[in-house]
PDB file of all heavy atoms in Angstrom:
ATOM      1  N   TRP A   1       0.825  -1.207  -0.006  1.00  0.00           N
ATOM      2  CA  TRP A   1       0.013   0.011  -0.001  1.00  0.00           C
ATOM      3  C   TRP A   1       0.886   1.247  -0.018  1.00  0.00           C
ATOM      4  O   TRP A   1       0.722   2.163  -0.822  1.00  0.00           O
ATOM      5  CB  TRP A   1      -0.918  -0.012   1.190  1.00  0.00           C
ATOM      6  CG  TRP A   1      -1.867   1.151   1.220  1.00  0.00           C
ATOM      7  CD1 TRP A   1      -1.618   2.408   1.699  1.00  0.00           C
ATOM      8  CD2 TRP A   1      -3.208   1.175   0.704  1.00  0.00           C
ATOM      9  NE1 TRP A   1      -2.716   3.194   1.507  1.00  0.00           N
ATOM     10  CE2 TRP A   1      -3.715   2.454   0.888  1.00  0.00           C
ATOM     11  CE3 TRP A   1      -3.997   0.226   0.070  1.00  0.00           C
ATOM     12  CZ2 TRP A   1      -4.995   2.856   0.497  1.00  0.00           C
ATOM     13  CZ3 TRP A   1      -5.309   0.599  -0.318  1.00  0.00           C
ATOM     14  CH2 TRP A   1      -5.747   1.893  -0.110  1.00  0.00           C
ATOM     15  N   TYR A   2       1.827   1.336   0.933  1.00  0.00           N
ATOM     16  CA  TYR A   2       2.637   2.548   1.049  1.00  0.00           C
ATOM     17  C   TYR A   2       3.653   2.676  -0.099  1.00  0.00           C
ATOM     18  O   TYR A   2       3.994   3.780  -0.470  1.00  0.00           O
ATOM     19  CB  TYR A   2       3.301   2.594   2.415  1.00  0.00           C
ATOM     20  CG  TYR A   2       2.298   2.836   3.548  1.00  0.00           C
ATOM     21  CD1 TYR A   2       2.185   1.965   4.608  1.00  0.00           C
ATOM     22  CD2 TYR A   2       1.393   3.877   3.480  1.00  0.00           C
ATOM     23  CE1 TYR A   2       1.272   2.124   5.613  1.00  0.00           C
ATOM     24  CE2 TYR A   2       0.464   4.055   4.466  1.00  0.00           C
ATOM     25  CZ  TYR A   2       0.396   3.191   5.531  1.00  0.00           C
ATOM     26  OH  TYR A   2      -0.537   3.402   6.499  1.00  0.00           O
ATOM     27  N   ALA A   3       4.053   1.557  -0.630  1.00  0.00           N
ATOM     28  CA  ALA A   3       4.937   1.618  -1.865  1.00  0.00           C
ATOM     29  C   ALA A   3       4.147   2.155  -2.987  1.00  0.00           C
ATOM     30  O   ALA A   3       4.681   2.948  -3.824  1.00  0.00           O
ATOM     31  CB  ALA A   3       5.454   0.238  -2.168  1.00  0.00           C
ATOM     32  N   THR A   4       2.863   1.859  -3.088  1.00  0.00           N
ATOM     33  CA  THR A   4       2.025   2.415  -4.154  1.00  0.00           C
ATOM     34  C   THR A   4       1.809   3.901  -3.971  1.00  0.00           C
ATOM     35  O   THR A   4       1.834   4.704  -4.952  1.00  0.00           O
ATOM     36  CB  THR A   4       0.667   1.702  -4.224  1.00  0.00           C
ATOM     37  OG1 THR A   4       0.882   0.319  -4.325  1.00  0.00           O
ATOM     38  CG2 THR A   4      -0.142   2.164  -5.365  1.00  0.00           C
ATOM     39  N   VAL A   5       1.639   4.388  -2.732  1.00  0.00           N
ATOM     40  CA  VAL A   5       1.498   5.834  -2.479  1.00  0.00           C
ATOM     41  C   VAL A   5       2.811   6.514  -2.918  1.00  0.00           C
ATOM     42  O   VAL A   5       2.789   7.557  -3.547  1.00  0.00           O
ATOM     43  CB  VAL A   5       1.181   6.083  -0.994  1.00  0.00           C
ATOM     44  CG1 VAL A   5       1.239   7.582  -0.696  1.00  0.00           C
ATOM     45  CG2 VAL A   5      -0.204   5.527  -0.643  1.00  0.00           C
ATOM     46  N   ALA A   6       3.959   5.945  -2.550  1.00  0.00           N
ATOM     47  CA  ALA A   6       5.255   6.514  -2.964  1.00  0.00           C
ATOM     48  C   ALA A   6       5.380   6.510  -4.484  1.00  0.00           C
ATOM     49  O   ALA A   6       5.912   7.465  -5.073  1.00  0.00           O
ATOM     50  CB  ALA A   6       6.397   5.748  -2.311  1.00  0.00           C
ATOM     51  N   TYR A   7       4.892   5.407  -5.130  1.00  0.00           N
ATOM     52  CA  TYR A   7       4.936   5.325  -6.573  1.00  0.00           C
ATOM     53  C   TYR A   7       4.123   6.491  -7.211  1.00  0.00           C
ATOM     54  O   TYR A   7       4.574   7.062  -8.201  1.00  0.00           O
ATOM     55  CB  TYR A   7       4.394   3.960  -7.022  1.00  0.00           C
ATOM     56  CG  TYR A   7       4.020   3.857  -8.466  1.00  0.00           C
ATOM     57  CD1 TYR A   7       5.047   3.697  -9.426  1.00  0.00           C
ATOM     58  CD2 TYR A   7       2.737   3.977  -8.915  1.00  0.00           C
ATOM     59  CE1 TYR A   7       4.741   3.634 -10.781  1.00  0.00           C
ATOM     60  CE2 TYR A   7       2.398   3.847 -10.246  1.00  0.00           C
ATOM     61  CZ  TYR A   7       3.419   3.698 -11.179  1.00  0.00           C
ATOM     62  OH  TYR A   7       3.091   3.605 -12.491  1.00  0.00           O
ATOM     63  N   LEU A   8       2.989   6.800  -6.632  1.00  0.00           N
ATOM     64  CA  LEU A   8       2.172   7.877  -7.144  1.00  0.00           C
ATOM     65  C   LEU A   8       2.915   9.188  -7.087  1.00  0.00           C
ATOM     66  O   LEU A   8       2.889  10.013  -8.054  1.00  0.00           O
ATOM     67  CB  LEU A   8       0.826   7.973  -6.407  1.00  0.00           C
ATOM     68  CG  LEU A   8      -0.162   6.888  -6.641  1.00  0.00           C
ATOM     69  CD1 LEU A   8      -1.348   7.013  -5.706  1.00  0.00           C
ATOM     70  CD2 LEU A   8      -0.596   6.858  -8.065  1.00  0.00           C
ATOM     71  N   VAL A   9       3.568   9.484  -5.961  1.00  0.00           N
ATOM     72  CA  VAL A   9       4.331  10.715  -5.831  1.00  0.00           C
ATOM     73  C   VAL A   9       5.457  10.765  -6.859  1.00  0.00           C
ATOM     74  O   VAL A   9       5.661  11.765  -7.528  1.00  0.00           O
ATOM     75  CB  VAL A   9       4.901  10.812  -4.413  1.00  0.00           C
ATOM     76  CG1 VAL A   9       5.841  12.008  -4.299  1.00  0.00           C
ATOM     77  CG2 VAL A   9       3.784  10.966  -3.399  1.00  0.00           C
ATOM     78  N   LEU A  10       6.166   9.655  -7.013  1.00  0.00           N
ATOM     79  CA  LEU A  10       7.290   9.616  -7.996  1.00  0.00           C
ATOM     80  C   LEU A  10       6.739   9.727  -9.412  1.00  0.00           C
ATOM     81  O   LEU A  10       7.383  10.365 -10.264  1.00  0.00           O
ATOM     82  CB  LEU A  10       8.085   8.334  -7.832  1.00  0.00           C
ATOM     83  CG  LEU A  10       8.869   8.213  -6.556  1.00  0.00           C
ATOM     84  CD1 LEU A  10       9.501   6.844  -6.393  1.00  0.00           C
ATOM     85  CD2 LEU A  10       9.966   9.280  -6.496  1.00  0.00           C
ATOM     86  N   MET A  11       5.588   9.178  -9.680  1.00  0.00           N
ATOM     87  CA  MET A  11       4.972   9.228 -11.004  1.00  0.00           C
ATOM     88  C   MET A  11       4.623  10.670 -11.310  1.00  0.00           C
ATOM     89  O   MET A  11       4.872  11.172 -12.451  1.00  0.00           O
ATOM     90  CB  MET A  11       3.736   8.372 -11.120  1.00  0.00           C
ATOM     91  CG  MET A  11       3.124   8.300 -12.502  1.00  0.00           C
ATOM     92  SD  MET A  11       1.710   7.207 -12.600  1.00  0.00           S
ATOM     93  CE  MET A  11       0.522   7.986 -11.513  1.00  0.00           C
ATOM     94  N   VAL A  12       4.067  11.378 -10.397  1.00  0.00           N
ATOM     95  CA  VAL A  12       3.679  12.801 -10.641  1.00  0.00           C
ATOM     96  C   VAL A  12       4.947  13.615 -10.880  1.00  0.00           C
ATOM     97  O   VAL A  12       4.997  14.434 -11.822  1.00  0.00           O
ATOM     98  CB  VAL A  12       2.920  13.359  -9.418  1.00  0.00           C
ATOM     99  CG1 VAL A  12       2.774  14.861  -9.513  1.00  0.00           C
ATOM    100  CG2 VAL A  12       1.526  12.742  -9.364  1.00  0.00           C
ATOM    101  N   ALA A  13       5.971  13.423 -10.088  1.00  0.00           N
ATOM    102  CA  ALA A  13       7.237  14.127 -10.276  1.00  0.00           C
ATOM    103  C   ALA A  13       7.849  13.820 -11.648  1.00  0.00           C
ATOM    104  O   ALA A  13       8.341  14.719 -12.327  1.00  0.00           O
ATOM    105  CB  ALA A  13       8.248  13.809  -9.175  1.00  0.00           C
ATOM    106  N   THR A  14       7.845  12.567 -12.026  1.00  0.00           N
ATOM    107  CA  THR A  14       8.402  12.169 -13.310  1.00  0.00           C
ATOM    108  C   THR A  14       7.610  12.774 -14.488  1.00  0.00           C
ATOM    109  O   THR A  14       8.170  13.281 -15.441  1.00  0.00           O
ATOM    110  CB  THR A  14       8.445  10.643 -13.421  1.00  0.00           C
ATOM    111  OG1 THR A  14       9.216  10.139 -12.368  1.00  0.00           O
ATOM    112  CG2 THR A  14       9.007  10.193 -14.765  1.00  0.00           C
ATOM    113  N   LEU A  15       6.282  12.724 -14.386  1.00  0.00           N
ATOM    114  CA  LEU A  15       5.492  13.238 -15.499  1.00  0.00           C
ATOM    115  C   LEU A  15       5.568  14.774 -15.594  1.00  0.00           C
ATOM    116  O   LEU A  15       5.360  15.317 -16.679  1.00  0.00           O
ATOM    117  CB  LEU A  15       3.990  12.806 -15.303  1.00  0.00           C
ATOM    118  CG  LEU A  15       3.723  11.321 -15.480  1.00  0.00           C
ATOM    119  CD1 LEU A  15       2.315  10.986 -15.170  1.00  0.00           C
ATOM    120  CD2 LEU A  15       4.127  10.884 -16.882  1.00  0.00           C
ATOM    121  N   ARG A  16       5.875  15.404 -14.497  1.00  0.00           N
ATOM    122  CA  ARG A  16       6.020  16.860 -14.539  1.00  0.00           C
ATOM    123  C   ARG A  16       7.446  17.291 -14.813  1.00  0.00           C
ATOM    124  O   ARG A  16       7.770  18.465 -14.886  1.00  0.00           O
ATOM    125  CB  ARG A  16       5.547  17.483 -13.217  1.00  0.00           C
ATOM    126  CG  ARG A  16       4.069  17.306 -12.983  1.00  0.00           C
ATOM    127  CD  ARG A  16       3.567  18.028 -11.767  1.00  0.00           C
ATOM    128  NE  ARG A  16       3.825  19.414 -11.727  1.00  0.00           N
ATOM    129  CZ  ARG A  16       3.094  20.360 -12.340  1.00  0.00           C
ATOM    130  NH1 ARG A  16       2.064  19.984 -13.086  1.00  0.00           N
ATOM    131  NH2 ARG A  16       3.376  21.651 -12.242  1.00  0.00           N
ATOM    132  N   HIS A  17       8.339  16.296 -14.987  1.00  0.00           N
ATOM    133  CA  HIS A  17       9.738  16.530 -15.270  1.00  0.00           C
ATOM    134  C   HIS A  17      10.432  17.433 -14.245  1.00  0.00           C
ATOM    135  O   HIS A  17      11.028  18.435 -14.531  1.00  0.00           O
ATOM    136  CB  HIS A  17       9.927  17.150 -16.654  1.00  0.00           C
ATOM    137  CG  HIS A  17       9.330  16.335 -17.759  1.00  0.00           C
ATOM    138  ND1 HIS A  17       9.839  15.144 -18.171  1.00  0.00           N
ATOM    139  CD2 HIS A  17       8.265  16.557 -18.548  1.00  0.00           C
ATOM    140  CE1 HIS A  17       9.150  14.662 -19.111  1.00  0.00           C
ATOM    141  NE2 HIS A  17       8.125  15.450 -19.365  1.00  0.00           N
ATOM    142  N   CYS A  18      10.196  17.090 -12.948  1.00  0.00           N
ATOM    143  CA  CYS A  18      10.793  17.856 -11.851  1.00  0.00           C
ATOM    144  C   CYS A  18      11.337  16.897 -10.802  1.00  0.00           C
ATOM    145  O   CYS A  18      11.004  15.733 -10.779  1.00  0.00           O
ATOM    146  CB  CYS A  18       9.820  18.851 -11.292  1.00  0.00           C
ATOM    147  SG  CYS A  18       8.379  18.109 -10.510  1.00  0.00           S
ATOM    148  N   THR A  19      12.120  17.470  -9.901  1.00  0.00           N
ATOM    149  CA  THR A  19      12.610  16.661  -8.759  1.00  0.00           C
ATOM    150  C   THR A  19      11.578  16.661  -7.653  1.00  0.00           C
ATOM    151  O   THR A  19      10.603  17.405  -7.703  1.00  0.00           O
ATOM    152  CB  THR A  19      13.919  17.263  -8.213  1.00  0.00           C
ATOM    153  OG1 THR A  19      13.673  18.568  -7.718  1.00  0.00           O
ATOM    154  CG2 THR A  19      14.981  17.317  -9.346  1.00  0.00           C
ATOM    155  N   LEU A  20      11.776  15.842  -6.660  1.00  0.00           N
ATOM    156  CA  LEU A  20      10.875  15.797  -5.536  1.00  0.00           C
ATOM    157  C   LEU A  20      10.853  17.158  -4.735  1.00  0.00           C
ATOM    158  O   LEU A  20       9.821  17.554  -4.293  1.00  0.00           O
ATOM    159  CB  LEU A  20      11.200  14.639  -4.591  1.00  0.00           C
ATOM    160  CG  LEU A  20      10.933  13.258  -5.170  1.00  0.00           C
ATOM    161  CD1 LEU A  20      11.395  12.168  -4.186  1.00  0.00           C
ATOM    162  CD2 LEU A  20       9.484  13.047  -5.495  1.00  0.00           C
ATOM    163  N   ARG A  21      12.038  17.767  -4.676  1.00  0.00           N
ATOM    164  CA  ARG A  21      12.090  19.077  -4.020  1.00  0.00           C
ATOM    165  C   ARG A  21      11.276  20.110  -4.764  1.00  0.00           C
ATOM    166  O   ARG A  21      10.504  20.900  -4.162  1.00  0.00           O
ATOM    167  CB  ARG A  21      13.538  19.505  -3.887  1.00  0.00           C
ATOM    168  CG  ARG A  21      13.680  20.916  -3.230  1.00  0.00           C
ATOM    169  CD  ARG A  21      15.070  21.241  -2.934  1.00  0.00           C
ATOM    170  NE  ARG A  21      15.416  20.440  -1.751  1.00  0.00           N
ATOM    171  CZ  ARG A  21      16.654  20.296  -1.346  1.00  0.00           C
ATOM    172  NH1 ARG A  21      17.688  20.827  -1.970  1.00  0.00           N
ATOM    173  NH2 ARG A  21      16.929  19.585  -0.265  1.00  0.00           N
ATOM    174  N   GLU A  22      11.391  20.138  -6.087  1.00  0.00           N
ATOM    175  CA  GLU A  22      10.615  21.061  -6.931  1.00  0.00           C
ATOM    176  C   GLU A  22       9.106  20.752  -6.801  1.00  0.00           C
ATOM    177  O   GLU A  22       8.312  21.697  -6.742  1.00  0.00           O
ATOM    178  CB  GLU A  22      11.030  21.003  -8.399  1.00  0.00           C
ATOM    179  CG  GLU A  22      12.428  21.512  -8.661  1.00  0.00           C
ATOM    180  CD  GLU A  22      12.933  21.194 -10.058  1.00  0.00           C
ATOM    181  OE1 GLU A  22      12.285  20.355 -10.746  1.00  0.00           O
ATOM    182  OE2 GLU A  22      13.928  21.791 -10.465  1.00  0.00           O
ATOM    183  N   LEU A  23       8.765  19.493  -6.773  1.00  0.00           N
ATOM    184  CA  LEU A  23       7.374  19.087  -6.588  1.00  0.00           C
ATOM    185  C   LEU A  23       6.822  19.581  -5.273  1.00  0.00           C
ATOM    186  O   LEU A  23       5.730  20.108  -5.152  1.00  0.00           O
ATOM    187  CB  LEU A  23       7.180  17.573  -6.733  1.00  0.00           C
ATOM    188  CG  LEU A  23       5.763  17.040  -6.602  1.00  0.00           C
ATOM    189  CD1 LEU A  23       4.895  17.609  -7.751  1.00  0.00           C
ATOM    190  CD2 LEU A  23       5.774  15.512  -6.613  1.00  0.00           C
ATOM    191  N   GLY A  24       7.637  19.410  -4.212  1.00  0.00           N
ATOM    192  CA  GLY A  24       7.194  19.934  -2.882  1.00  0.00           C
ATOM    193  C   GLY A  24       6.995  21.410  -2.883  1.00  0.00           C
ATOM    194  O   GLY A  24       6.089  21.919  -2.260  1.00  0.00           O
ATOM    195  N   THR A  25       7.889  22.154  -3.563  1.00  0.00           N
ATOM    196  CA  THR A  25       7.746  23.602  -3.652  1.00  0.00           C
ATOM    197  C   THR A  25       6.475  23.983  -4.382  1.00  0.00           C
ATOM    198  O   THR A  25       5.742  24.898  -3.954  1.00  0.00           O
ATOM    199  CB  THR A  25       8.999  24.217  -4.360  1.00  0.00           C
ATOM    200  OG1 THR A  25      10.143  23.827  -3.644  1.00  0.00           O
ATOM    201  CG2 THR A  25       8.879  25.722  -4.414  1.00  0.00           C
ATOM    202  N   GLU A  26       6.140  23.240  -5.488  1.00  0.00           N
ATOM    203  CA  GLU A  26       4.950  23.532  -6.213  1.00  0.00           C
ATOM    204  C   GLU A  26       3.686  23.235  -5.387  1.00  0.00           C
ATOM    205  O   GLU A  26       2.718  23.910  -5.436  1.00  0.00           O
ATOM    206  CB  GLU A  26       4.963  22.717  -7.523  1.00  0.00           C
ATOM    207  CG  GLU A  26       5.914  23.174  -8.565  1.00  0.00           C
ATOM    208  CD  GLU A  26       5.864  22.349  -9.825  1.00  0.00           C
ATOM    209  OE1 GLU A  26       4.868  21.655 -10.056  1.00  0.00           O
ATOM    210  OE2 GLU A  26       6.834  22.462 -10.598  1.00  0.00           O
ATOM    211  N   ILE A  27       3.788  22.130  -4.623  1.00  0.00           N
ATOM    212  CA  ILE A  27       2.645  21.780  -3.788  1.00  0.00           C
ATOM    213  C   ILE A  27       2.382  22.842  -2.688  1.00  0.00           C
ATOM    214  O   ILE A  27       1.276  23.244  -2.438  1.00  0.00           O
ATOM    215  CB  ILE A  27       2.841  20.386  -3.157  1.00  0.00           C
ATOM    216  CG1 ILE A  27       2.697  19.316  -4.242  1.00  0.00           C
ATOM    217  CG2 ILE A  27       1.878  20.135  -1.985  1.00  0.00           C
ATOM    218  CD1 ILE A  27       3.074  17.920  -3.793  1.00  0.00           C
ATOM    219  N   LEU A  28       3.464  23.287  -2.068  1.00  0.00           N
ATOM    220  CA  LEU A  28       3.358  24.327  -1.032  1.00  0.00           C
ATOM    221  C   LEU A  28       2.836  25.669  -1.619  1.00  0.00           C
ATOM    222  O   LEU A  28       2.281  26.475  -0.883  1.00  0.00           O
ATOM    223  CB  LEU A  28       4.651  24.540  -0.296  1.00  0.00           C
ATOM    224  CG  LEU A  28       5.066  23.320   0.577  1.00  0.00           C
ATOM    225  CD1 LEU A  28       6.417  23.571   1.178  1.00  0.00           C
ATOM    226  CD2 LEU A  28       4.037  23.078   1.651  1.00  0.00           C
ATOM    227  N   ALA A  29       3.036  25.878  -2.916  1.00  0.00           N
ATOM    228  CA  ALA A  29       2.603  27.097  -3.539  1.00  0.00           C
ATOM    229  C   ALA A  29       1.113  27.041  -3.953  1.00  0.00           C
ATOM    230  O   ALA A  29       0.584  28.059  -4.443  1.00  0.00           O
ATOM    231  CB  ALA A  29       3.468  27.412  -4.760  1.00  0.00           C
ATOM    232  N   LEU A  30       0.452  25.914  -3.783  1.00  0.00           N
ATOM    233  CA  LEU A  30      -0.971  25.810  -4.089  1.00  0.00           C
ATOM    234  C   LEU A  30      -1.798  26.723  -3.211  1.00  0.00           C
ATOM    235  O   LEU A  30      -1.424  27.064  -2.105  1.00  0.00           O
ATOM    236  CB  LEU A  30      -1.462  24.384  -3.869  1.00  0.00           C
ATOM    237  CG  LEU A  30      -0.910  23.307  -4.900  1.00  0.00           C
ATOM    238  CD1 LEU A  30      -1.350  21.920  -4.385  1.00  0.00           C
ATOM    239  CD2 LEU A  30      -1.364  23.557  -6.274  1.00  0.00           C
ATOM    240  N   GLY A  31      -2.956  27.056  -3.723  1.00  0.00           N
ATOM    241  CA  GLY A  31      -3.884  27.874  -2.951  1.00  0.00           C
ATOM    242  C   GLY A  31      -4.451  27.047  -1.793  1.00  0.00           C
ATOM    243  O   GLY A  31      -4.363  25.807  -1.762  1.00  0.00           O
ATOM    244  N   SER A  32      -5.033  27.726  -0.821  1.00  0.00           N
ATOM    245  CA  SER A  32      -5.543  27.046   0.376  1.00  0.00           C
ATOM    246  C   SER A  32      -6.552  25.916   0.075  1.00  0.00           C
ATOM    247  O   SER A  32      -6.443  24.847   0.651  1.00  0.00           O
ATOM    248  CB  SER A  32      -6.183  28.071   1.332  1.00  0.00           C
ATOM    249  OG  SER A  32      -5.184  28.978   1.790  1.00  0.00           O
ATOM    250  N   PRO A  33      -7.565  26.142  -0.764  1.00  0.00           N
ATOM    251  CA  PRO A  33      -8.534  25.071  -1.031  1.00  0.00           C
ATOM    252  C   PRO A  33      -7.850  23.830  -1.643  1.00  0.00           C
ATOM    253  O   PRO A  33      -8.152  22.674  -1.267  1.00  0.00           O
ATOM    254  CB  PRO A  33      -9.549  25.651  -1.976  1.00  0.00           C
ATOM    255  CG  PRO A  33      -9.447  27.115  -1.774  1.00  0.00           C
ATOM    256  CD  PRO A  33      -8.028  27.357  -1.454  1.00  0.00           C
ATOM    257  N   SER A  34      -6.958  24.037  -2.599  1.00  0.00           N
ATOM    258  CA  SER A  34      -6.276  22.888  -3.224  1.00  0.00           C
ATOM    259  C   SER A  34      -5.358  22.172  -2.231  1.00  0.00           C
ATOM    260  O   SER A  34      -5.278  20.967  -2.251  1.00  0.00           O
ATOM    261  CB  SER A  34      -5.441  23.388  -4.412  1.00  0.00           C
ATOM    262  OG  SER A  34      -6.273  23.933  -5.411  1.00  0.00           O
ATOM    263  N   LEU A  35      -4.656  22.920  -1.432  1.00  0.00           N
ATOM    264  CA  LEU A  35      -3.773  22.368  -0.431  1.00  0.00           C
ATOM    265  C   LEU A  35      -4.587  21.556   0.599  1.00  0.00           C
ATOM    266  O   LEU A  35      -4.168  20.484   1.061  1.00  0.00           O
ATOM    267  CB  LEU A  35      -2.934  23.430   0.242  1.00  0.00           C
ATOM    268  CG  LEU A  35      -1.716  22.999   0.987  1.00  0.00           C
ATOM    269  CD1 LEU A  35      -0.780  22.179   0.109  1.00  0.00           C
ATOM    270  CD2 LEU A  35      -0.968  24.180   1.531  1.00  0.00           C
ATOM    271  N   LEU A  36      -5.738  22.089   0.992  1.00  0.00           N
ATOM    272  CA  LEU A  36      -6.609  21.403   1.926  1.00  0.00           C
ATOM    273  C   LEU A  36      -7.098  20.083   1.324  1.00  0.00           C
ATOM    274  O   LEU A  36      -7.096  19.024   2.004  1.00  0.00           O
ATOM    275  CB  LEU A  36      -7.774  22.297   2.320  1.00  0.00           C
ATOM    276  CG  LEU A  36      -8.721  21.727   3.384  1.00  0.00           C
ATOM    277  CD1 LEU A  36      -8.008  21.491   4.713  1.00  0.00           C
ATOM    278  CD2 LEU A  36      -9.892  22.647   3.577  1.00  0.00           C
ATOM    279  N   ALA A  37      -7.540  20.088   0.080  1.00  0.00           N
ATOM    280  CA  ALA A  37      -8.020  18.913  -0.581  1.00  0.00           C
ATOM    281  C   ALA A  37      -6.937  17.853  -0.730  1.00  0.00           C
ATOM    282  O   ALA A  37      -7.132  16.663  -0.502  1.00  0.00           O
ATOM    283  CB  ALA A  37      -8.628  19.229  -1.923  1.00  0.00           C
ATOM    284  N   LEU A  38      -5.693  18.305  -1.069  1.00  0.00           N
ATOM    285  CA  LEU A  38      -4.603  17.400  -1.200  1.00  0.00           C
ATOM    286  C   LEU A  38      -4.249  16.783   0.142  1.00  0.00           C
ATOM    287  O   LEU A  38      -3.977  15.603   0.240  1.00  0.00           O
ATOM    288  CB  LEU A  38      -3.384  18.136  -1.797  1.00  0.00           C
ATOM    289  CG  LEU A  38      -2.151  17.270  -1.986  1.00  0.00           C
ATOM    290  CD1 LEU A  38      -2.408  16.167  -2.990  1.00  0.00           C
ATOM    291  CD2 LEU A  38      -0.983  18.158  -2.457  1.00  0.00           C
ATOM    292  N   SER A  39      -4.276  17.587   1.182  1.00  0.00           N
ATOM    293  CA  SER A  39      -3.952  17.084   2.534  1.00  0.00           C
ATOM    294  C   SER A  39      -5.006  16.062   2.965  1.00  0.00           C
ATOM    295  O   SER A  39      -4.621  15.014   3.547  1.00  0.00           O
ATOM    296  CB  SER A  39      -3.958  18.253   3.541  1.00  0.00           C
ATOM    297  OG  SER A  39      -2.945  19.146   3.222  1.00  0.00           O
ATOM    298  N   ALA A  40      -6.262  16.291   2.671  1.00  0.00           N
ATOM    299  CA  ALA A  40      -7.336  15.333   3.006  1.00  0.00           C
ATOM    300  C   ALA A  40      -7.131  14.036   2.263  1.00  0.00           C
ATOM    301  O   ALA A  40      -7.254  12.929   2.833  1.00  0.00           O
ATOM    302  CB  ALA A  40      -8.689  15.959   2.720  1.00  0.00           C
ATOM    303  N   ALA A  41      -6.823  14.136   0.991  1.00  0.00           N
ATOM    304  CA  ALA A  41      -6.603  12.931   0.162  1.00  0.00           C
ATOM    305  C   ALA A  41      -5.413  12.101   0.626  1.00  0.00           C
ATOM    306  O   ALA A  41      -5.553  10.885   0.779  1.00  0.00           O
ATOM    307  CB  ALA A  41      -6.428  13.310  -1.303  1.00  0.00           C
ATOM    308  N   LEU A  42      -4.343  12.769   0.979  1.00  0.00           N
ATOM    309  CA  LEU A  42      -3.178  12.078   1.467  1.00  0.00           C
ATOM    310  C   LEU A  42      -3.441  11.452   2.822  1.00  0.00           C
ATOM    311  O   LEU A  42      -2.952  10.321   3.133  1.00  0.00           O
ATOM    312  CB  LEU A  42      -1.975  12.986   1.538  1.00  0.00           C
ATOM    313  CG  LEU A  42      -1.376  13.359   0.163  1.00  0.00           C
ATOM    314  CD1 LEU A  42      -0.252  14.368   0.325  1.00  0.00           C
ATOM    315  CD2 LEU A  42      -0.856  12.137  -0.537  1.00  0.00           C
ATOM    316  N   THR A  43      -4.165  12.138   3.657  1.00  0.00           N
ATOM    317  CA  THR A  43      -4.509  11.588   4.999  1.00  0.00           C
ATOM    318  C   THR A  43      -5.330  10.293   4.821  1.00  0.00           C
ATOM    319  O   THR A  43      -5.083   9.339   5.513  1.00  0.00           O
ATOM    320  CB  THR A  43      -5.281  12.647   5.796  1.00  0.00           C
ATOM    321  OG1 THR A  43      -4.480  13.788   5.949  1.00  0.00           O
ATOM    322  CG2 THR A  43      -5.673  12.096   7.163  1.00  0.00           C
TER     323      THR A  43
END
């Protein structure tokens, strides 16, 4: 299960052609509603 969650994160980073650090920066730059929805989904 958790390997699949990690796979999803790596897949998103690969498809966006960025590193995990850049992906984290982009995620933190999201607006409040999007960040809240992403946090709920990850939880």
